[in-house]
Amino acid sequence: MKLKGIIATLVLMLSVGGNLIAQDSTAVVDDCAKFKSLYYEYSKHKEYVDAANFWRKAIIACGETGLDAKFYFNGRIIYSKLLTDSTDPARAKEINDTINMCFERRMKLIDEPSWTVDYGIKLVNDGSEDIEKIDSLFNNSVHRLKEDLSSYATKQYFKHLIVNKFNGAKPEDKETERVRIIEEYIVLSEYVTIATKKAKEAGDENEVKRQESAQSFLDKYFLLIANDCAVLTPVLDDKLKSLPQEKEAKLKKVKDYLTLMDLQKCQSTDTYGKFVDTLIILEPTADAYYFGYNYAIGTGNESKALKYIEKAVEMEKDGENKDKYLAANANLLYKMNSYRSAFSTAQKVGAGEYKGQALYIQALAIAATANSCGDSTFERKANFWLANDYINRAIANGYTGVSSSKFLDNAPDKNEIFTTGVQMGSSYTLKCWGETTTVR
C-alpha cells in the first residue's frame, strides 16, 4: 500500500475513533494522537514538509504537557532537513527557531548530556551572542560525557572557550579565562587520549583519526593562548602555590603542568625546575627523573641530565617507557662523545616507536668512531658502509628526515675497492664492531 493510502486509512481509523470518543468529550486527545501518528508516518517516508505540518498541529492539539522527549527529538530531525533545503532567509530563521525550541523543550523532559552538548554546538555554529547560555550548556555536558565526548564536540567547546570567552573577555578578565583554557586543555586532552586508546583497541581507524584530529586542534589553539613561556610560566607559577593537598591529585597536577611546559619547550625556565623539584620530592619515580632530565638538558647541564636519565632507566626497568628513556639516554651519551656507550645503550631499545631513533644513534656512533676503528685506511673507511646499513634500518623503522645514502661519500670508492682486491657485493667484516657489511 502506497503512503497516501496508508495515511488515508490511518486518518479514517482515527476519525472514526474520534467520533466514538467525542461523546466522552475527548476529541482533543484524539486529534493529538492523530497528528502525532501522521507526522511520524510522513517523516518515516522522508516527506518532511508534510511531516512538519502535522508535527506543528500535534503541538497545538497535544499541548506542551502532552508530548514526550521522542517527539522533540524527531522534530529536530525534521526541521534540520527542512533547514538544509531552505533558500529563503526569513523561512530559514523560523525553522532554526523551531529547532532551538525542540532543544529547549526536550531538555525540560530529559537530562541527556549528549543532547545538551549538541545544543551548545548549534548555538556556537549559529553565531549566537548568548555566550553565557552556551557556556552553561557546555558546563552541563562536556565533563559528564568525558571520553564519550565526540571529537567534533571537543573542537567546538574549545573554540567557544577561545573565541567567545577569551577573545570576548574584558581586559581585566583575560587572565582568568586564560587559566581556565589551560585547565580545560589538560582535561580535554585526557579525554581524547582515553577515547583514542578505546578506538585503537576496537580497531576503529576512522575514530582514531577523528580523535587525533581533535588533539591537533587542541594543541594548535592552545598554543595561541599560551603562545610562549613568558605567558605560560607566570600562570603556572601561581598554580604551584595552590596545588591540591591530597598527594595523588597533587602529583597529577604537577605532571600535567610539566607536560604543558614540555609542549611549549619551557624546560629551561625556573618554573619548570620548581615543578621538577616538587615532583621528585613527592614521588621520586622514573617519570619524575625524566622530567628532571628535560630540565637539566634545557639548562645545558649535561652531566646532571645524564644522572637523571640513567636513574630514570634504572627505575623504569621493563616498564612502558623503557625504550623512550633508553633512546634519550643514548642520544645524550652520543652528544657527550661517549660513542661506544651510546651505541650499546641504543642497542637495548626494543621494536616500536623509538627503534628508528635508536638505530640512527647507532649509525652516528659508528660514523663518529670510524677514523679510529680499523688497521688500515680501507677498513676505517669501510665503517661508513656499516653506518649506512644502520641508517637504512632506521628509515625502515620509521626514522625520517635522513638520506638513505648518508655516509656513503665517506666509504671506499671503486678504485680503493679494486686496489684492496675485494669484490663488489661481497661481505666485509669490521673487527671493531664484530659486524659484517656489504662492499658497494
Protein backbone atom coordinates (compact mmCIF):
# COMPACT_ATOMS: atom_id res chain seq x y z
CA MET A 1 0.00 0.00 0.00
CA LYS A 2 1.41 3.40 -1.01
CA LEU A 3 2.00 6.19 1.50
CA LYS A 4 -1.11 8.20 0.58
CA GLY A 5 -3.24 5.07 1.01
CA ILE A 6 -1.63 4.32 4.36
CA ILE A 7 -2.23 7.86 5.52
CA ALA A 8 -5.85 7.88 4.31
CA THR A 9 -6.54 4.64 6.18
CA LEU A 10 -4.84 5.99 9.28
CA VAL A 11 -6.87 9.21 9.16
CA LEU A 12 -10.11 7.25 8.70
CA MET A 13 -9.34 4.97 11.65
CA LEU A 14 -8.51 7.89 13.89
CA SER A 15 -11.53 9.87 12.72
CA VAL A 16 -13.89 7.01 13.48
CA GLY A 17 -12.29 6.66 16.86
CA GLY A 18 -12.71 10.40 17.30
CA ASN A 19 -16.44 10.24 16.63
CA LEU A 20 -16.86 7.49 19.16
CA ILE A 21 -14.70 9.13 21.81
CA ALA A 22 -16.18 12.57 21.21
CA GLN A 23 -19.21 11.51 23.15
CA ASP A 24 -16.93 11.49 26.20
CA SER A 25 -15.52 14.96 25.34
CA THR A 26 -12.06 13.61 24.42
CA ALA A 27 -11.89 14.72 20.79
CA VAL A 28 -8.86 16.91 21.57
CA VAL A 29 -6.98 13.90 22.87
CA ASP A 30 -7.89 12.03 19.68
CA ASP A 31 -6.59 14.88 17.49
CA CYS A 32 -3.36 14.73 19.45
CA ALA A 33 -2.93 11.02 18.70
CA LYS A 34 -3.95 11.51 15.06
CA PHE A 35 -1.46 14.30 14.34
CA LYS A 36 1.35 12.51 16.14
CA SER A 37 0.72 9.40 14.04
CA LEU A 38 0.53 11.40 10.82
CA TYR A 39 3.73 13.40 11.35
CA TYR A 40 5.58 10.23 12.26
CA GLU A 41 4.34 8.33 9.22
CA TYR A 42 5.34 11.12 6.83
CA SER A 43 8.75 11.54 8.48
CA LYS A 44 9.47 7.81 8.12
CA HIS A 45 9.00 8.23 4.37
CA LYS A 46 11.17 11.38 4.35
CA GLU A 47 8.31 13.66 3.31
CA TYR A 48 9.46 16.34 5.69
CA VAL A 49 7.20 19.21 4.59
CA ASP A 50 4.07 17.19 5.35
CA ALA A 51 5.68 15.75 8.47
CA ALA A 52 6.40 19.27 9.76
CA ASN A 53 2.81 20.34 9.05
CA PHE A 54 1.32 17.58 11.21
CA TRP A 55 4.12 17.97 13.79
CA ARG A 56 3.02 21.59 14.34
CA LYS A 57 -0.62 20.51 14.56
CA ALA A 58 0.33 17.93 17.17
CA ILE A 59 1.85 20.69 19.33
CA ILE A 60 -1.45 22.61 19.21
CA ALA A 61 -3.61 19.54 19.75
CA CYS A 62 -1.50 17.94 22.47
CA GLY A 63 -0.18 20.96 24.30
CA GLU A 64 3.36 21.04 25.70
CA THR A 65 2.50 18.64 28.54
CA GLY A 66 1.08 16.05 26.14
CA LEU A 67 4.33 15.46 24.26
CA ASP A 68 7.35 13.37 25.14
CA ALA A 69 11.13 13.63 24.58
CA LYS A 70 10.99 11.49 21.44
CA PHE A 71 8.57 13.97 19.83
CA TYR A 72 11.09 16.81 20.12
CA PHE A 73 13.98 14.55 19.09
CA ASN A 74 12.11 13.76 15.86
CA GLY A 75 11.14 17.39 15.45
CA ARG A 76 14.81 18.37 15.44
CA ILE A 77 15.47 15.86 12.65
CA ILE A 78 12.51 17.01 10.55
CA TYR A 79 13.29 20.70 10.80
CA SER A 80 17.01 20.16 10.30
CA LYS A 81 16.17 18.51 6.98
CA LEU A 82 13.95 21.45 6.05
CA LEU A 83 16.69 23.91 7.03
CA THR A 84 19.14 22.20 4.69
CA ASP A 85 16.75 22.69 1.77
CA SER A 86 15.62 26.21 2.67
CA THR A 87 16.68 29.12 0.43
CA ASP A 88 14.53 31.87 1.98
CA PRO A 89 16.35 33.63 4.87
CA ALA A 90 13.13 34.52 6.69
CA ARG A 91 11.87 30.95 6.47
CA ALA A 92 15.27 29.60 7.48
CA LYS A 93 15.12 31.75 10.63
CA GLU A 94 11.67 30.37 11.50
CA ILE A 95 12.91 26.82 11.02
CA ASN A 96 16.00 27.48 13.10
CA ASP A 97 13.90 28.92 15.92
CA THR A 98 11.78 25.77 15.86
CA ILE A 99 14.89 23.59 16.14
CA ASN A 100 16.00 25.65 19.16
CA MET A 101 12.57 25.15 20.67
CA CYS A 102 12.96 21.39 20.22
CA PHE A 103 16.23 21.52 22.15
CA GLU A 104 14.76 23.65 24.92
CA ARG A 105 11.61 21.62 25.46
CA ARG A 106 13.33 18.25 25.32
CA MET A 107 15.81 19.39 27.97
CA LYS A 108 12.84 20.04 30.27
CA LEU A 109 11.73 16.43 29.82
CA ILE A 110 15.04 14.55 29.93
CA ASP A 111 18.55 15.26 31.19
CA GLU A 112 20.79 13.91 28.43
CA PRO A 113 24.31 15.41 28.19
CA SER A 114 24.79 14.44 24.53
CA TRP A 115 21.65 16.44 23.64
CA THR A 116 22.77 19.37 25.78
CA VAL A 117 26.23 19.48 24.20
CA ASP A 118 24.65 19.34 20.72
CA TYR A 119 22.60 22.41 21.59
CA GLY A 120 25.73 24.23 22.72
CA ILE A 121 27.46 23.30 19.45
CA LYS A 122 24.48 24.50 17.45
CA LEU A 123 24.46 27.89 19.15
CA VAL A 124 28.21 28.24 18.55
CA ASN A 125 27.71 27.45 14.86
CA ASP A 126 24.77 29.84 14.69
CA GLY A 127 27.00 32.62 16.00
CA SER A 128 24.70 33.15 18.97
CA GLU A 129 25.59 36.10 21.17
CA ASP A 130 24.14 34.43 24.24
CA ILE A 131 27.62 33.42 25.44
CA GLU A 132 26.56 32.61 28.99
CA LYS A 133 23.85 30.24 27.76
CA ILE A 134 26.36 28.45 25.53
CA ASP A 135 28.78 28.25 28.44
CA SER A 136 26.09 26.84 30.70
CA LEU A 137 25.16 24.17 28.13
CA PHE A 138 28.77 23.05 27.77
CA ASN A 139 29.37 23.13 31.52
CA ASN A 140 26.38 20.83 31.99
CA SER A 141 27.52 18.27 29.43
CA VAL A 142 31.21 18.18 28.46
CA HIS A 143 32.57 16.87 31.75
CA ARG A 144 29.75 14.39 32.14
CA LEU A 145 30.45 12.83 28.75
CA LYS A 146 34.24 12.81 29.32
CA GLU A 147 35.89 10.38 26.87
CA ASP A 148 32.49 9.81 25.22
CA LEU A 149 32.57 13.41 24.01
CA SER A 150 32.72 13.38 20.21
CA SER A 151 35.82 14.76 18.53
CA TYR A 152 33.66 17.44 16.91
CA ALA A 153 32.20 18.47 20.26
CA THR A 154 35.71 18.69 21.72
CA LYS A 155 36.70 21.11 18.97
CA GLN A 156 33.57 23.24 19.23
CA TYR A 157 33.79 23.52 23.01
CA PHE A 158 37.43 24.59 22.86
CA LYS A 159 36.57 27.02 20.07
CA HIS A 160 33.90 28.52 22.32
CA LEU A 161 36.42 28.96 25.15
CA ILE A 162 38.82 30.82 22.90
CA VAL A 163 36.55 32.78 20.54
CA ASN A 164 33.70 33.57 22.89
CA LYS A 165 35.17 33.51 26.39
CA PHE A 166 38.80 34.59 25.93
CA ASN A 167 38.59 36.87 22.90
CA GLY A 168 35.34 38.36 24.14
CA ALA A 169 36.52 38.88 27.73
CA LYS A 170 37.09 42.31 29.23
CA PRO A 171 40.80 43.17 29.68
CA GLU A 172 40.59 42.62 33.43
CA ASP A 173 39.09 39.13 32.87
CA LYS A 174 41.57 37.89 30.25
CA GLU A 175 43.89 36.11 32.64
CA THR A 176 41.02 34.33 34.38
CA GLU A 177 39.87 32.97 31.03
CA ARG A 178 43.44 32.07 30.06
CA VAL A 179 43.80 29.99 33.23
CA ARG A 180 40.50 28.25 32.50
CA ILE A 181 41.64 27.39 28.97
CA ILE A 182 44.89 25.94 30.32
CA GLU A 183 42.95 23.78 32.78
CA GLU A 184 40.42 22.68 30.16
CA TYR A 185 43.17 21.87 27.66
CA ILE A 186 44.65 19.40 30.14
CA VAL A 187 41.31 17.71 30.88
CA LEU A 188 40.14 17.59 27.26
CA SER A 189 43.48 16.10 26.21
CA GLU A 190 42.96 13.35 28.79
CA TYR A 191 39.51 12.61 27.37
CA VAL A 192 40.94 12.45 23.83
CA THR A 193 43.75 10.15 24.96
CA ILE A 194 41.28 7.70 26.53
CA ALA A 195 38.94 7.87 23.51
CA THR A 196 41.86 7.25 21.14
CA LYS A 197 43.01 4.26 23.16
CA LYS A 198 39.49 2.79 23.11
CA ALA A 199 39.21 3.32 19.35
CA LYS A 200 42.56 1.58 18.79
CA GLU A 201 41.50 -1.35 20.94
CA ALA A 202 38.27 -1.59 18.93
CA GLY A 203 40.16 -1.40 15.64
CA ASP A 204 38.20 1.73 14.64
CA GLU A 205 40.77 3.55 12.49
CA ASN A 206 38.34 6.29 11.45
CA GLU A 207 37.63 7.17 15.07
CA VAL A 208 41.35 7.13 15.83
CA LYS A 209 41.87 9.69 13.06
CA ARG A 210 38.99 11.82 14.35
CA GLN A 211 40.39 11.84 17.88
CA GLU A 212 43.90 12.59 16.63
CA SER A 213 42.44 15.48 14.67
CA ALA A 214 40.77 16.74 17.86
CA GLN A 215 44.09 16.64 19.73
CA SER A 216 45.81 18.54 16.91
CA PHE A 217 43.05 21.15 17.13
CA LEU A 218 43.51 21.46 20.90
CA ASP A 219 47.28 21.78 20.54
CA LYS A 220 47.06 24.38 17.78
CA TYR A 221 44.63 26.68 19.54
CA PHE A 222 46.09 26.19 22.99
CA LEU A 223 49.38 27.49 21.66
CA LEU A 224 47.62 30.65 20.51
CA ILE A 225 46.58 31.34 24.09
CA ALA A 226 49.78 30.24 25.82
CA ASN A 227 51.99 31.19 22.89
CA ASP A 228 55.31 31.29 24.69
CA CYS A 229 56.96 30.54 28.01
CA ALA A 230 56.72 34.17 29.10
CA VAL A 231 52.91 33.86 29.01
CA LEU A 232 52.62 30.32 30.34
CA THR A 233 55.11 30.24 33.22
CA PRO A 234 53.66 33.12 35.31
CA VAL A 235 50.29 31.34 35.23
CA LEU A 236 51.90 28.07 36.33
CA ASP A 237 53.98 29.81 38.99
CA ASP A 238 50.70 30.83 40.60
CA LYS A 239 49.40 27.28 40.18
CA LEU A 240 52.40 25.95 42.09
CA LYS A 241 51.22 27.93 45.12
CA SER A 242 47.73 26.42 45.02
CA LEU A 243 48.30 22.73 44.28
CA PRO A 244 45.90 20.20 45.84
CA GLN A 245 46.84 18.88 49.27
CA GLU A 246 45.95 15.27 48.53
CA LYS A 247 49.07 13.53 47.20
CA GLU A 248 47.64 11.75 44.15
CA ALA A 249 45.78 14.84 42.96
CA LYS A 250 48.88 16.96 43.56
CA LEU A 251 51.06 14.55 41.60
CA LYS A 252 48.67 14.57 38.67
CA LYS A 253 48.58 18.36 38.52
CA VAL A 254 52.37 18.66 38.69
CA LYS A 255 52.81 16.16 35.84
CA ASP A 256 50.12 17.86 33.76
CA TYR A 257 51.77 21.25 34.11
CA LEU A 258 55.22 19.83 33.30
CA THR A 259 53.77 18.26 30.16
CA LEU A 260 52.34 21.63 29.16
CA MET A 261 55.74 23.25 29.56
CA ASP A 262 57.29 20.43 27.53
CA LEU A 263 54.83 21.27 24.77
CA GLN A 264 55.98 24.90 24.79
CA LYS A 265 59.65 23.94 25.26
CA CYS A 266 59.89 25.74 28.60
CA GLN A 267 62.28 23.18 30.13
CA SER A 268 64.97 25.81 30.76
CA THR A 269 62.73 28.06 32.87
CA ASP A 270 62.89 28.41 36.65
CA THR A 271 59.21 27.44 36.77
CA TYR A 272 59.95 24.10 35.12
CA GLY A 273 62.72 23.48 37.64
CA LYS A 274 60.41 24.23 40.56
CA PHE A 275 57.85 21.72 39.32
CA VAL A 276 60.56 19.10 38.76
CA ASP A 277 61.80 19.56 42.33
CA THR A 278 58.24 19.27 43.62
CA LEU A 279 57.67 16.09 41.63
CA ILE A 280 60.87 14.39 42.81
CA ILE A 281 60.09 15.26 46.44
CA LEU A 282 56.54 13.97 46.11
CA GLU A 283 57.41 10.77 44.30
CA PRO A 284 60.94 10.02 43.05
CA THR A 285 59.82 7.77 40.20
CA ALA A 286 61.34 7.14 36.77
CA ASP A 287 58.84 9.64 35.38
CA ALA A 288 59.99 12.29 37.85
CA TYR A 289 63.65 11.77 36.95
CA TYR A 290 62.80 12.00 33.24
CA PHE A 291 61.29 15.44 33.84
CA GLY A 292 64.49 16.24 35.73
CA TYR A 293 66.48 15.14 32.69
CA ASN A 294 64.47 17.52 30.49
CA TYR A 295 65.15 20.39 32.89
CA ALA A 296 68.88 19.68 33.03
CA ILE A 297 69.04 19.46 29.22
CA GLY A 298 67.12 22.72 28.96
CA THR A 299 69.61 24.48 31.23
CA GLY A 300 72.61 22.96 29.45
CA ASN A 301 73.74 20.81 32.37
CA GLU A 302 74.58 17.60 30.51
CA SER A 303 76.30 15.83 33.40
CA LYS A 304 73.26 16.36 35.63
CA ALA A 305 70.96 15.33 32.78
CA LEU A 306 72.92 12.08 32.41
CA LYS A 307 72.47 11.26 36.09
CA TYR A 308 68.72 11.93 35.83
CA ILE A 309 68.17 9.85 32.67
CA GLU A 310 70.27 6.94 33.95
CA LYS A 311 68.20 6.99 37.13
CA ALA A 312 65.01 7.00 35.05
CA VAL A 313 66.24 3.98 33.05
CA GLU A 314 67.23 2.15 36.23
CA MET A 315 63.89 2.73 37.94
CA GLU A 316 61.73 2.08 34.86
CA LYS A 317 63.20 -1.41 34.32
CA ASP A 318 60.88 -3.07 31.75
CA GLY A 319 58.06 -0.54 32.13
CA GLU A 320 56.14 1.04 29.26
CA ASN A 321 58.59 3.98 29.00
CA LYS A 322 61.73 1.82 28.93
CA ASP A 323 62.52 2.45 25.26
CA LYS A 324 61.75 6.15 25.49
CA TYR A 325 64.22 6.61 28.34
CA LEU A 326 66.86 4.40 26.73
CA ALA A 327 66.67 6.36 23.48
CA ALA A 328 67.04 9.63 25.40
CA ASN A 329 69.98 8.18 27.34
CA ALA A 330 71.70 7.00 24.14
CA ASN A 331 71.17 10.35 22.45
CA LEU A 332 72.71 12.22 25.38
CA LEU A 333 75.70 9.86 25.51
CA TYR A 334 76.30 10.50 21.82
CA LYS A 335 76.17 14.28 22.37
CA MET A 336 78.69 13.86 25.19
CA ASN A 337 81.03 11.98 22.76
CA SER A 338 80.59 8.65 24.59
CA TYR A 339 80.06 6.86 21.29
CA ARG A 340 80.53 3.26 22.40
CA SER A 341 78.21 3.74 25.36
CA ALA A 342 75.69 5.47 23.11
CA PHE A 343 75.78 2.52 20.69
CA SER A 344 75.35 -0.14 23.38
CA THR A 345 72.56 1.81 25.11
CA ALA A 346 70.69 2.33 21.83
CA GLN A 347 71.09 -1.38 21.12
CA LYS A 348 68.84 -2.13 24.12
CA VAL A 349 65.85 -0.28 22.61
CA GLY A 350 63.19 -2.75 21.52
CA ALA A 351 60.99 -2.79 18.42
CA GLY A 352 58.47 0.01 18.41
CA GLU A 353 58.18 3.78 18.39
CA TYR A 354 61.78 4.52 19.41
CA LYS A 355 63.61 1.83 17.41
CA GLY A 356 64.23 4.07 14.39
CA GLN A 357 65.73 6.77 16.58
CA ALA A 358 67.94 4.22 18.35
CA LEU A 359 69.25 2.81 15.05
CA TYR A 360 70.02 6.32 13.86
CA ILE A 361 72.07 6.97 17.01
CA GLN A 362 73.94 3.71 16.40
CA ALA A 363 74.70 4.84 12.84
CA LEU A 364 76.06 8.15 14.12
CA ALA A 365 78.19 6.37 16.74
CA ILE A 366 79.74 4.09 14.10
CA ALA A 367 80.50 7.04 11.83
CA ALA A 368 81.92 9.10 14.70
CA THR A 369 84.45 6.38 15.58
CA ALA A 370 85.30 5.34 12.03
CA ASN A 371 88.69 7.05 11.86
CA SER A 372 89.94 5.22 14.94
CA CYS A 373 88.38 1.87 14.16
CA GLY A 374 90.46 -0.39 11.89
CA ASP A 375 94.02 -1.39 10.99
CA SER A 376 94.03 0.23 7.54
CA THR A 377 92.59 3.26 5.81
CA PHE A 378 90.31 0.96 3.80
CA GLU A 379 89.00 -0.77 6.91
CA ARG A 380 88.45 2.54 8.68
CA LYS A 381 86.54 3.91 5.70
CA ALA A 382 84.54 0.66 5.43
CA ASN A 383 82.90 1.59 8.73
CA PHE A 384 80.80 4.05 6.77
CA TRP A 385 79.17 1.17 4.89
CA LEU A 386 78.10 -0.25 8.23
CA ALA A 387 76.92 3.19 9.37
CA ASN A 388 74.84 3.39 6.19
CA ASP A 389 73.37 -0.06 6.93
CA TYR A 390 72.12 1.29 10.23
CA ILE A 391 70.75 4.42 8.53
CA ASN A 392 68.63 2.27 6.23
CA ARG A 393 67.47 0.13 9.13
CA ALA A 394 66.50 3.33 10.94
CA ILE A 395 64.48 4.50 7.92
CA ALA A 396 62.78 1.09 7.70
CA ASN A 397 61.78 1.55 11.35
CA GLY A 398 60.13 4.91 10.74
CA TYR A 399 63.00 7.39 11.14
CA THR A 400 62.56 10.32 8.74
CA GLY A 401 64.49 13.32 7.51
CA VAL A 402 67.70 11.47 6.61
CA SER A 403 69.09 10.36 3.24
CA SER A 404 69.30 6.63 2.52
CA SER A 405 72.79 7.22 1.10
CA LYS A 406 74.13 9.09 4.12
CA PHE A 407 77.82 8.32 4.85
CA LEU A 408 78.44 6.59 1.50
CA ASP A 409 80.54 9.53 0.29
CA ASN A 410 82.98 8.68 3.09
CA ALA A 411 83.13 4.97 2.24
CA PRO A 412 85.79 3.43 -0.04
CA ASP A 413 85.42 4.33 -3.72
CA LYS A 414 85.67 1.92 -6.67
CA ASN A 415 89.43 2.43 -7.09
CA GLU A 416 90.08 1.66 -3.40
CA ILE A 417 87.88 -1.43 -3.63
CA PHE A 418 89.79 -2.64 -6.73
CA THR A 419 93.19 -1.87 -5.20
CA THR A 420 92.37 -3.74 -2.00
CA GLY A 421 91.24 -6.76 -4.01
CA VAL A 422 87.77 -7.21 -2.51
CA GLN A 423 84.78 -7.97 -4.71
CA MET A 424 81.84 -5.62 -5.19
CA GLY A 425 78.81 -7.11 -3.43
CA SER A 426 80.88 -9.35 -1.18
CA SER A 427 80.70 -9.39 2.62
CA TYR A 428 83.22 -7.47 4.68
CA THR A 429 83.70 -7.94 8.42
CA LEU A 430 84.55 -4.98 10.66
CA LYS A 431 86.58 -6.27 13.59
CA CYS A 432 85.94 -3.11 15.60
CA TRP A 433 82.20 -3.81 15.77
CA GLY A 434 82.16 -7.55 15.14
CA GLU A 435 79.65 -6.99 12.36
CA THR A 436 79.53 -7.68 8.62
CA THR A 437 78.60 -5.22 5.89
CA THR A 438 78.39 -5.35 2.08
CA VAL A 439 81.02 -3.92 -0.28
CA ARG A 440 79.40 -1.38 -2.59
